[in-house]
Amino acid sequence: MFDQLRLIADRPRPYQFYTANQLWADPHISQKMLEYHLDNSVDLASRNKQFVERSVDWLVRECDLKRGAAVCDFGCGPGFYTTLLASRGMKVTGLDFSERSLKYARRIAEEKKLGIDYRQQNYLDFTPDRQYDLVTMIFCDFCVLSPEQRRLLLGIFRQCLKPGGKLVLDVVTMNQFNLTEEKNVFDFYTGEGFWSSQPHFIFQSTFKYPSEQLYVDKWTIIERVRTREIYNWMQCFTPVSLDGELARSGFRSVKKFANVAGDPFDSEATEMAVVAEVIG
């Protein structure tokens, strides 16, 4: 038992494990994620409806989107952004890993008679067959990827964008890193919880990596018949480190904001958003 618990509490190497498929493809977890997406009282999977509406208003203004503009949303979830953008006359593509989220998004698009092109796939495998005026990645999804994955994704973004097109994404800042504390937490569920529909134990560990400006939440879920581990990596950025990463992949930062609703940049905030474009 001691050795098992020691392994549970073991600190992984940075980006040692990538478990997005478990988070988005597991039937029970994906259902819970969709419920969080649709719960307007919490910002655990998507931001609330009022924020999203304000965010879309800002995207249209800031990126000067006209009717017919082509937009691709990476990690579109149940389609909150894609639905509003298509309702404004944009030609929208939405990419997401989750079959359940896209099933919901497609149903809403059909009800509203919106011709949104939804594609279920890992966006790291996306091969664009057209170019876009705007590419978005929202809710700090960029931060959960390893440096190699981010470099690959920025290359895909470059292929996606028309000349003069814009990239908009948000990231977690070093202020969030400084607020995060290392911890080990244990809990037991006698019935259904977020991670399982069966009785289960949860061990959560948070580890920080100062030299990499990175932290991870590691969940070990122990059911009667199986044990799983889920890792949520979170790369933190400064304005300088974000600009450097973008520049190494051929982008330049145009403007920075406190969030993807266009609030003024705040050096004390735990998030920041960037509008970027391809260099040259």
C-alpha atoms as a PDB file:
ATOM      1  CA  MET A   1       0.000   0.000   0.000  1.00  0.00           C
ATOM      2  CA  PHE A   2       2.816   2.433   0.848  1.00  0.00           C
ATOM      3  CA  ASP A   3       4.443   1.886  -2.549  1.00  0.00           C
ATOM      4  CA  GLN A   4       1.120   2.417  -4.334  1.00  0.00           C
ATOM      5  CA  LEU A   5       0.474   5.673  -2.502  1.00  0.00           C
ATOM      6  CA  ARG A   6       4.027   6.783  -3.169  1.00  0.00           C
ATOM      7  CA  LEU A   7       3.461   6.347  -6.901  1.00  0.00           C
ATOM      8  CA  ILE A   8       0.211   8.275  -6.687  1.00  0.00           C
ATOM      9  CA  ALA A   9       2.045  11.197  -5.078  1.00  0.00           C
ATOM     10  CA  ASP A  10       4.977  10.987  -7.503  1.00  0.00           C
ATOM     11  CA  ARG A  11       5.959  14.171  -9.346  1.00  0.00           C
ATOM     12  CA  PRO A  12       5.889  13.674 -13.144  1.00  0.00           C
ATOM     13  CA  ARG A  13       8.435  15.191 -15.475  1.00  0.00           C
ATOM     14  CA  PRO A  14       7.152  18.270 -17.313  1.00  0.00           C
ATOM     15  CA  TYR A  15       4.668  17.159 -19.972  1.00  0.00           C
ATOM     16  CA  GLN A  16       5.493  13.505 -19.297  1.00  0.00           C
ATOM     17  CA  PHE A  17       1.879  12.439 -19.865  1.00  0.00           C
ATOM     18  CA  TYR A  18      -0.812  13.736 -22.227  1.00  0.00           C
ATOM     19  CA  THR A  19      -4.309  12.555 -21.311  1.00  0.00           C
ATOM     20  CA  ALA A  20      -6.673  14.788 -23.307  1.00  0.00           C
ATOM     21  CA  ASN A  21      -8.307  11.747 -24.899  1.00  0.00           C
ATOM     22  CA  GLN A  22      -9.405  10.486 -21.473  1.00  0.00           C
ATOM     23  CA  LEU A  23     -10.788  13.870 -20.517  1.00  0.00           C
ATOM     24  CA  TRP A  24     -12.851  14.382 -23.676  1.00  0.00           C
ATOM     25  CA  ALA A  25     -13.638  10.867 -24.906  1.00  0.00           C
ATOM     26  CA  ASP A  26     -14.695   9.137 -21.676  1.00  0.00           C
ATOM     27  CA  PRO A  27     -18.533   8.886 -21.812  1.00  0.00           C
ATOM     28  CA  HIS A  28     -19.112   9.883 -18.180  1.00  0.00           C
ATOM     29  CA  ILE A  29     -16.533  12.679 -17.998  1.00  0.00           C
ATOM     30  CA  SER A  30     -17.581  14.156 -21.358  1.00  0.00           C
ATOM     31  CA  GLN A  31     -21.183  14.287 -20.136  1.00  0.00           C
ATOM     32  CA  LYS A  32     -20.091  16.101 -16.981  1.00  0.00           C
ATOM     33  CA  MET A  33     -17.964  18.490 -19.052  1.00  0.00           C
ATOM     34  CA  LEU A  34     -20.973  19.297 -21.234  1.00  0.00           C
ATOM     35  CA  GLU A  35     -23.069  19.956 -18.117  1.00  0.00           C
ATOM     36  CA  TYR A  36     -20.424  22.415 -16.911  1.00  0.00           C
ATOM     37  CA  HIS A  37     -20.355  24.046 -20.356  1.00  0.00           C
ATOM     38  CA  LEU A  38     -24.109  24.582 -20.177  1.00  0.00           C
ATOM     39  CA  ASP A  39     -24.196  25.765 -16.551  1.00  0.00           C
ATOM     40  CA  ASN A  40     -24.219  29.549 -16.811  1.00  0.00           C
ATOM     41  CA  SER A  41     -23.546  29.946 -13.072  1.00  0.00           C
ATOM     42  CA  VAL A  42     -19.952  28.646 -13.279  1.00  0.00           C
ATOM     43  CA  ASP A  43     -16.929  29.270 -15.528  1.00  0.00           C
ATOM     44  CA  LEU A  44     -15.423  25.799 -15.224  1.00  0.00           C
ATOM     45  CA  ALA A  45     -15.624  24.614 -18.836  1.00  0.00           C
ATOM     46  CA  SER A  46     -16.866  27.685 -20.701  1.00  0.00           C
ATOM     47  CA  ARG A  47     -17.263  31.284 -19.720  1.00  0.00           C
ATOM     48  CA  ASN A  48     -20.770  32.435 -18.925  1.00  0.00           C
ATOM     49  CA  LYS A  49     -23.256  33.490 -21.593  1.00  0.00           C
ATOM     50  CA  GLN A  50     -22.936  37.215 -20.860  1.00  0.00           C
ATOM     51  CA  PHE A  51     -19.153  37.093 -21.212  1.00  0.00           C
ATOM     52  CA  VAL A  52     -19.336  35.117 -24.459  1.00  0.00           C
ATOM     53  CA  GLU A  53     -21.781  37.614 -25.978  1.00  0.00           C
ATOM     54  CA  ARG A  54     -19.504  40.498 -24.967  1.00  0.00           C
ATOM     55  CA  SER A  55     -16.519  38.580 -26.285  1.00  0.00           C
ATOM     56  CA  VAL A  56     -18.105  38.014 -29.703  1.00  0.00           C
ATOM     57  CA  ASP A  57     -19.042  41.698 -29.918  1.00  0.00           C
ATOM     58  CA  TRP A  58     -15.406  42.575 -29.265  1.00  0.00           C
ATOM     59  CA  LEU A  59     -14.023  40.000 -31.733  1.00  0.00           C
ATOM     60  CA  VAL A  60     -16.205  41.380 -34.515  1.00  0.00           C
ATOM     61  CA  ARG A  61     -15.093  44.965 -33.787  1.00  0.00           C
ATOM     62  CA  GLU A  62     -11.434  44.309 -33.061  1.00  0.00           C
ATOM     63  CA  CYS A  63     -10.884  42.042 -36.072  1.00  0.00           C
ATOM     64  CA  ASP A  64     -13.153  44.075 -38.355  1.00  0.00           C
ATOM     65  CA  LEU A  65     -15.222  41.052 -39.327  1.00  0.00           C
ATOM     66  CA  LYS A  66     -17.766  41.595 -42.083  1.00  0.00           C
ATOM     67  CA  ARG A  67     -20.610  39.321 -43.117  1.00  0.00           C
ATOM     68  CA  GLY A  68     -19.128  36.364 -44.946  1.00  0.00           C
ATOM     69  CA  ALA A  69     -15.811  36.484 -43.094  1.00  0.00           C
ATOM     70  CA  ALA A  70     -14.338  33.019 -42.509  1.00  0.00           C
ATOM     71  CA  VAL A  71     -13.668  32.031 -38.882  1.00  0.00           C
ATOM     72  CA  CYS A  72     -12.196  28.842 -37.404  1.00  0.00           C
ATOM     73  CA  ASP A  73     -12.592  28.144 -33.676  1.00  0.00           C
ATOM     74  CA  PHE A  74     -10.120  25.588 -32.301  1.00  0.00           C
ATOM     75  CA  GLY A  75     -11.652  23.775 -29.316  1.00  0.00           C
ATOM     76  CA  CYS A  76     -15.169  25.043 -30.007  1.00  0.00           C
ATOM     77  CA  GLY A  77     -16.898  22.834 -27.408  1.00  0.00           C
ATOM     78  CA  PRO A  78     -20.706  23.017 -27.609  1.00  0.00           C
ATOM     79  CA  GLY A  79     -20.508  25.946 -29.999  1.00  0.00           C
ATOM     80  CA  PHE A  80     -21.143  29.072 -27.947  1.00  0.00           C
ATOM     81  CA  TYR A  81     -18.778  31.238 -30.021  1.00  0.00           C
ATOM     82  CA  THR A  82     -19.412  29.502 -33.328  1.00  0.00           C
ATOM     83  CA  THR A  83     -23.191  29.860 -32.976  1.00  0.00           C
ATOM     84  CA  LEU A  84     -23.036  33.597 -32.272  1.00  0.00           C
ATOM     85  CA  LEU A  85     -20.509  34.251 -35.030  1.00  0.00           C
ATOM     86  CA  ALA A  86     -22.544  32.298 -37.579  1.00  0.00           C
ATOM     87  CA  SER A  87     -25.664  34.172 -36.464  1.00  0.00           C
ATOM     88  CA  ARG A  88     -23.850  37.357 -37.517  1.00  0.00           C
ATOM     89  CA  GLY A  89     -23.284  36.043 -41.013  1.00  0.00           C
ATOM     90  CA  MET A  90     -19.791  34.577 -40.640  1.00  0.00           C
ATOM     91  CA  LYS A  91     -18.733  31.366 -42.370  1.00  0.00           C
ATOM     92  CA  VAL A  92     -17.672  29.307 -39.369  1.00  0.00           C
ATOM     93  CA  THR A  93     -15.687  26.113 -38.813  1.00  0.00           C
ATOM     94  CA  GLY A  94     -15.546  24.540 -35.346  1.00  0.00           C
ATOM     95  CA  LEU A  95     -13.030  21.891 -34.266  1.00  0.00           C
ATOM     96  CA  ASP A  96     -13.318  19.817 -31.116  1.00  0.00           C
ATOM     97  CA  PHE A  97     -12.241  16.505 -29.611  1.00  0.00           C
ATOM     98  CA  SER A  98     -15.561  15.799 -27.872  1.00  0.00           C
ATOM     99  CA  GLU A  99     -18.259  13.896 -29.752  1.00  0.00           C
ATOM    100  CA  ARG A 100     -20.793  14.819 -27.087  1.00  0.00           C
ATOM    101  CA  SER A 101     -20.080  18.561 -27.260  1.00  0.00           C
ATOM    102  CA  LEU A 102     -20.267  18.578 -31.049  1.00  0.00           C
ATOM    103  CA  LYS A 103     -23.521  16.632 -31.024  1.00  0.00           C
ATOM    104  CA  TYR A 104     -25.007  19.440 -28.932  1.00  0.00           C
ATOM    105  CA  ALA A 105     -23.427  22.133 -31.145  1.00  0.00           C
ATOM    106  CA  ARG A 106     -24.770  20.517 -34.329  1.00  0.00           C
ATOM    107  CA  ARG A 107     -28.270  20.286 -32.867  1.00  0.00           C
ATOM    108  CA  ILE A 108     -28.268  24.001 -32.017  1.00  0.00           C
ATOM    109  CA  ALA A 109     -26.942  24.863 -35.487  1.00  0.00           C
ATOM    110  CA  GLU A 110     -29.694  22.791 -37.094  1.00  0.00           C
ATOM    111  CA  GLU A 111     -32.385  24.409 -34.935  1.00  0.00           C
ATOM    112  CA  LYS A 112     -31.126  27.875 -35.838  1.00  0.00           C
ATOM    113  CA  LYS A 113     -30.536  26.913 -39.488  1.00  0.00           C
ATOM    114  CA  LEU A 114     -26.867  27.865 -39.329  1.00  0.00           C
ATOM    115  CA  GLY A 115     -24.473  26.230 -41.784  1.00  0.00           C
ATOM    116  CA  ILE A 116     -21.601  25.685 -39.361  1.00  0.00           C
ATOM    117  CA  ASP A 117     -18.889  23.228 -40.422  1.00  0.00           C
ATOM    118  CA  TYR A 118     -18.212  21.170 -37.281  1.00  0.00           C
ATOM    119  CA  ARG A 119     -15.363  18.668 -37.315  1.00  0.00           C
ATOM    120  CA  GLN A 120     -14.636  16.147 -34.597  1.00  0.00           C
ATOM    121  CA  GLN A 121     -10.898  15.671 -34.333  1.00  0.00           C
ATOM    122  CA  ASN A 122      -7.795  16.490 -32.359  1.00  0.00           C
ATOM    123  CA  TYR A 123      -6.913  19.975 -33.622  1.00  0.00           C
ATOM    124  CA  LEU A 124      -3.233  18.985 -33.584  1.00  0.00           C
ATOM    125  CA  ASP A 125      -4.083  16.744 -36.563  1.00  0.00           C
ATOM    126  CA  PHE A 126      -6.044  19.396 -38.463  1.00  0.00           C
ATOM    127  CA  THR A 127      -5.117  19.955 -42.112  1.00  0.00           C
ATOM    128  CA  PRO A 128      -6.829  23.135 -43.326  1.00  0.00           C
ATOM    129  CA  ASP A 129      -8.600  22.950 -46.677  1.00  0.00           C
ATOM    130  CA  ARG A 130      -9.326  26.678 -46.774  1.00  0.00           C
ATOM    131  CA  GLN A 131      -8.029  29.903 -45.221  1.00  0.00           C
ATOM    132  CA  TYR A 132      -9.678  32.085 -42.614  1.00  0.00           C
ATOM    133  CA  ASP A 133      -9.918  35.740 -41.694  1.00  0.00           C
ATOM    134  CA  LEU A 134      -9.861  34.840 -37.981  1.00  0.00           C
ATOM    135  CA  VAL A 135      -8.594  31.860 -35.993  1.00  0.00           C
ATOM    136  CA  THR A 136      -9.511  31.612 -32.309  1.00  0.00           C
ATOM    137  CA  MET A 137      -8.452  29.418 -29.417  1.00  0.00           C
ATOM    138  CA  ILE A 138     -10.271  30.479 -26.264  1.00  0.00           C
ATOM    139  CA  PHE A 139     -10.386  29.499 -22.567  1.00  0.00           C
ATOM    140  CA  CYS A 140      -6.600  29.133 -22.309  1.00  0.00           C
ATOM    141  CA  ASP A 141      -6.530  25.839 -24.250  1.00  0.00           C
ATOM    142  CA  PHE A 142      -3.157  26.865 -25.662  1.00  0.00           C
ATOM    143  CA  CYS A 143      -1.642  26.526 -22.189  1.00  0.00           C
ATOM    144  CA  VAL A 144      -2.429  22.827 -21.722  1.00  0.00           C
ATOM    145  CA  LEU A 145      -0.151  21.826 -24.605  1.00  0.00           C
ATOM    146  CA  SER A 146       3.552  20.998 -24.487  1.00  0.00           C
ATOM    147  CA  PRO A 147       6.078  23.294 -26.203  1.00  0.00           C
ATOM    148  CA  GLU A 148       6.274  20.873 -29.146  1.00  0.00           C
ATOM    149  CA  GLN A 149       2.482  20.737 -29.437  1.00  0.00           C
ATOM    150  CA  ARG A 150       2.194  24.516 -29.259  1.00  0.00           C
ATOM    151  CA  ARG A 151       4.823  24.906 -31.974  1.00  0.00           C
ATOM    152  CA  LEU A 152       2.933  22.418 -34.161  1.00  0.00           C
ATOM    153  CA  LEU A 153      -0.348  24.221 -33.529  1.00  0.00           C
ATOM    154  CA  LEU A 154       1.077  27.648 -34.362  1.00  0.00           C
ATOM    155  CA  GLY A 155       2.254  26.178 -37.657  1.00  0.00           C
ATOM    156  CA  ILE A 156      -1.300  25.002 -38.333  1.00  0.00           C
ATOM    157  CA  PHE A 157      -2.591  28.476 -37.468  1.00  0.00           C
ATOM    158  CA  ARG A 158      -0.199  29.973 -40.031  1.00  0.00           C
ATOM    159  CA  GLN A 159      -1.545  27.657 -42.714  1.00  0.00           C
ATOM    160  CA  CYS A 160      -5.109  28.573 -41.749  1.00  0.00           C
ATOM    161  CA  LEU A 161      -4.839  32.347 -41.984  1.00  0.00           C
ATOM    162  CA  LYS A 162      -5.433  34.505 -45.016  1.00  0.00           C
ATOM    163  CA  PRO A 163      -2.950  37.344 -45.614  1.00  0.00           C
ATOM    164  CA  GLY A 164      -3.859  39.954 -43.017  1.00  0.00           C
ATOM    165  CA  GLY A 165      -5.881  37.439 -40.992  1.00  0.00           C
ATOM    166  CA  LYS A 166      -5.859  37.522 -37.187  1.00  0.00           C
ATOM    167  CA  LEU A 167      -5.158  34.963 -34.478  1.00  0.00           C
ATOM    168  CA  VAL A 168      -6.845  35.501 -31.098  1.00  0.00           C
ATOM    169  CA  LEU A 169      -6.033  33.370 -28.083  1.00  0.00           C
ATOM    170  CA  ASP A 170      -5.845  33.729 -24.306  1.00  0.00           C
ATOM    171  CA  VAL A 171      -3.295  32.352 -21.852  1.00  0.00           C
ATOM    172  CA  VAL A 172      -2.667  32.039 -18.135  1.00  0.00           C
ATOM    173  CA  THR A 173      -0.143  34.483 -16.686  1.00  0.00           C
ATOM    174  CA  MET A 174       2.610  34.145 -14.118  1.00  0.00           C
ATOM    175  CA  ASN A 175       0.278  35.791 -11.617  1.00  0.00           C
ATOM    176  CA  GLN A 176      -1.747  32.586 -11.641  1.00  0.00           C
ATOM    177  CA  PHE A 177       1.444  30.560 -11.252  1.00  0.00           C
ATOM    178  CA  ASN A 178       2.371  32.589  -8.174  1.00  0.00           C
ATOM    179  CA  LEU A 179      -1.099  32.104  -6.664  1.00  0.00           C
ATOM    180  CA  THR A 180      -1.044  28.330  -7.237  1.00  0.00           C
ATOM    181  CA  GLU A 181       0.133  26.201  -4.314  1.00  0.00           C
ATOM    182  CA  GLU A 182       1.476  22.690  -4.378  1.00  0.00           C
ATOM    183  CA  LYS A 183      -0.872  20.302  -2.589  1.00  0.00           C
ATOM    184  CA  ASN A 184      -2.059  16.729  -2.120  1.00  0.00           C
ATOM    185  CA  VAL A 185      -5.785  16.198  -1.563  1.00  0.00           C
ATOM    186  CA  PHE A 186      -7.744  12.984  -0.988  1.00  0.00           C
ATOM    187  CA  ASP A 187     -11.483  12.322  -1.245  1.00  0.00           C
ATOM    188  CA  PHE A 188     -13.894   9.390  -1.469  1.00  0.00           C
ATOM    189  CA  TYR A 189     -17.194   9.349  -3.335  1.00  0.00           C
ATOM    190  CA  THR A 190     -19.790   6.764  -2.335  1.00  0.00           C
ATOM    191  CA  GLY A 191     -21.577   7.266  -5.651  1.00  0.00           C
ATOM    192  CA  GLU A 192     -21.373   9.404  -8.753  1.00  0.00           C
ATOM    193  CA  GLY A 193     -18.864  12.255  -9.034  1.00  0.00           C
ATOM    194  CA  PHE A 194     -17.285  14.250 -11.834  1.00  0.00           C
ATOM    195  CA  TRP A 195     -14.738  11.561 -12.656  1.00  0.00           C
ATOM    196  CA  SER A 196     -16.862   8.427 -12.339  1.00  0.00           C
ATOM    197  CA  SER A 197     -20.419   7.165 -12.051  1.00  0.00           C
ATOM    198  CA  GLN A 198     -19.267   4.493  -9.567  1.00  0.00           C
ATOM    199  CA  PRO A 199     -17.925   4.724  -6.001  1.00  0.00           C
ATOM    200  CA  HIS A 200     -14.332   5.912  -6.279  1.00  0.00           C
ATOM    201  CA  PHE A 201     -11.341   7.444  -4.554  1.00  0.00           C
ATOM    202  CA  ILE A 202      -9.755  10.663  -5.812  1.00  0.00           C
ATOM    203  CA  PHE A 203      -6.173  11.729  -5.167  1.00  0.00           C
ATOM    204  CA  GLN A 204      -5.329  15.200  -6.492  1.00  0.00           C
ATOM    205  CA  SER A 205      -1.785  16.541  -6.527  1.00  0.00           C
ATOM    206  CA  THR A 206      -0.585  19.922  -7.778  1.00  0.00           C
ATOM    207  CA  PHE A 207       3.061  20.309  -8.757  1.00  0.00           C
ATOM    208  CA  LYS A 208       4.913  23.461  -9.818  1.00  0.00           C
ATOM    209  CA  TYR A 209       7.952  23.767 -12.098  1.00  0.00           C
ATOM    210  CA  PRO A 210       9.380  27.272 -11.643  1.00  0.00           C
ATOM    211  CA  SER A 211      12.088  27.058 -14.290  1.00  0.00           C
ATOM    212  CA  GLU A 212       9.483  26.036 -16.894  1.00  0.00           C
ATOM    213  CA  GLN A 213       6.816  28.490 -15.612  1.00  0.00           C
ATOM    214  CA  LEU A 214       4.514  25.489 -15.501  1.00  0.00           C
ATOM    215  CA  TYR A 215       2.208  23.676 -13.102  1.00  0.00           C
ATOM    216  CA  VAL A 216       0.101  20.534 -13.338  1.00  0.00           C
ATOM    217  CA  ASP A 217      -2.958  19.155 -11.612  1.00  0.00           C
ATOM    218  CA  LYS A 218      -2.724  15.367 -11.441  1.00  0.00           C
ATOM    219  CA  TRP A 219      -5.827  13.325 -10.619  1.00  0.00           C
ATOM    220  CA  THR A 220      -5.662   9.639  -9.770  1.00  0.00           C
ATOM    221  CA  ILE A 221      -9.110   8.034  -9.929  1.00  0.00           C
ATOM    222  CA  ILE A 222      -9.405   4.627  -8.284  1.00  0.00           C
ATOM    223  CA  GLU A 223     -12.531   2.576  -8.899  1.00  0.00           C
ATOM    224  CA  ARG A 224     -13.135  -1.013  -7.915  1.00  0.00           C
ATOM    225  CA  VAL A 225     -12.156  -2.332 -11.351  1.00  0.00           C
ATOM    226  CA  ARG A 226      -9.718   0.254 -12.709  1.00  0.00           C
ATOM    227  CA  THR A 227      -7.303   3.069 -11.886  1.00  0.00           C
ATOM    228  CA  ARG A 228      -6.795   6.114 -14.118  1.00  0.00           C
ATOM    229  CA  GLU A 229      -4.569   9.183 -14.089  1.00  0.00           C
ATOM    230  CA  ILE A 230      -5.527  12.535 -15.633  1.00  0.00           C
ATOM    231  CA  TYR A 231      -3.017  15.359 -16.073  1.00  0.00           C
ATOM    232  CA  ASN A 232      -3.926  18.992 -16.717  1.00  0.00           C
ATOM    233  CA  TRP A 233      -0.779  20.939 -17.584  1.00  0.00           C
ATOM    234  CA  MET A 234      -0.856  24.728 -17.436  1.00  0.00           C
ATOM    235  CA  GLN A 235       1.917  26.718 -19.101  1.00  0.00           C
ATOM    236  CA  CYS A 236       2.064  30.252 -17.701  1.00  0.00           C
ATOM    237  CA  PHE A 237       3.245  33.249 -19.714  1.00  0.00           C
ATOM    238  CA  THR A 238       4.568  36.749 -19.329  1.00  0.00           C
ATOM    239  CA  PRO A 239       3.953  39.242 -22.141  1.00  0.00           C
ATOM    240  CA  VAL A 240       7.593  38.822 -23.144  1.00  0.00           C
ATOM    241  CA  SER A 241       7.562  35.009 -23.152  1.00  0.00           C
ATOM    242  CA  LEU A 242       4.311  34.928 -25.131  1.00  0.00           C
ATOM    243  CA  ASP A 243       5.686  37.364 -27.708  1.00  0.00           C
ATOM    244  CA  GLY A 244       8.829  35.244 -28.000  1.00  0.00           C
ATOM    245  CA  GLU A 245       6.898  32.039 -28.556  1.00  0.00           C
ATOM    246  CA  LEU A 246       4.711  33.661 -31.184  1.00  0.00           C
ATOM    247  CA  ALA A 247       7.730  35.195 -32.954  1.00  0.00           C
ATOM    248  CA  ARG A 248       9.555  31.858 -33.154  1.00  0.00           C
ATOM    249  CA  SER A 249       6.589  30.533 -35.156  1.00  0.00           C
ATOM    250  CA  GLY A 250       6.320  33.528 -37.455  1.00  0.00           C
ATOM    251  CA  PHE A 251       3.713  35.622 -35.630  1.00  0.00           C
ATOM    252  CA  ARG A 252       3.833  39.068 -34.142  1.00  0.00           C
ATOM    253  CA  SER A 253       1.681  40.295 -31.299  1.00  0.00           C
ATOM    254  CA  VAL A 254      -0.529  43.188 -32.399  1.00  0.00           C
ATOM    255  CA  LYS A 255      -2.318  43.984 -29.121  1.00  0.00           C
ATOM    256  CA  LYS A 256      -2.764  42.496 -25.667  1.00  0.00           C
ATOM    257  CA  PHE A 257      -5.842  42.612 -23.455  1.00  0.00           C
ATOM    258  CA  ALA A 258      -6.913  41.354 -20.055  1.00  0.00           C
ATOM    259  CA  ASN A 259      -9.260  38.837 -21.681  1.00  0.00           C
ATOM    260  CA  VAL A 260     -11.007  37.903 -24.920  1.00  0.00           C
ATOM    261  CA  ALA A 261     -13.740  40.445 -24.217  1.00  0.00           C
ATOM    262  CA  GLY A 262     -11.240  43.239 -24.900  1.00  0.00           C
ATOM    263  CA  ASP A 263     -10.835  44.629 -21.381  1.00  0.00           C
ATOM    264  CA  PRO A 264      -7.638  46.709 -21.034  1.00  0.00           C
ATOM    265  CA  PHE A 265      -4.445  44.778 -20.356  1.00  0.00           C
ATOM    266  CA  ASP A 266      -3.828  44.350 -16.616  1.00  0.00           C
ATOM    267  CA  SER A 267      -0.354  43.382 -15.414  1.00  0.00           C
ATOM    268  CA  GLU A 268      -1.891  41.961 -12.223  1.00  0.00           C
ATOM    269  CA  ALA A 269      -4.440  39.721 -13.972  1.00  0.00           C
ATOM    270  CA  THR A 270      -4.238  35.917 -14.028  1.00  0.00           C
ATOM    271  CA  GLU A 271      -5.016  35.794 -17.756  1.00  0.00           C
ATOM    272  CA  MET A 272      -4.212  37.798 -20.858  1.00  0.00           C
ATOM    273  CA  ALA A 273      -5.428  37.720 -24.434  1.00  0.00           C
ATOM    274  CA  VAL A 274      -3.462  38.489 -27.566  1.00  0.00           C
ATOM    275  CA  VAL A 275      -4.358  39.495 -31.100  1.00  0.00           C
ATOM    276  CA  ALA A 276      -1.584  38.334 -33.416  1.00  0.00           C
ATOM    277  CA  GLU A 277      -0.866  38.184 -37.127  1.00  0.00           C
ATOM    278  CA  VAL A 278       1.590  36.414 -39.383  1.00  0.00           C
ATOM    279  CA  ILE A 279       4.882  38.256 -39.905  1.00  0.00           C
ATOM    280  CA  GLY A 280       5.463  39.386 -43.490  1.00  0.00           C
END
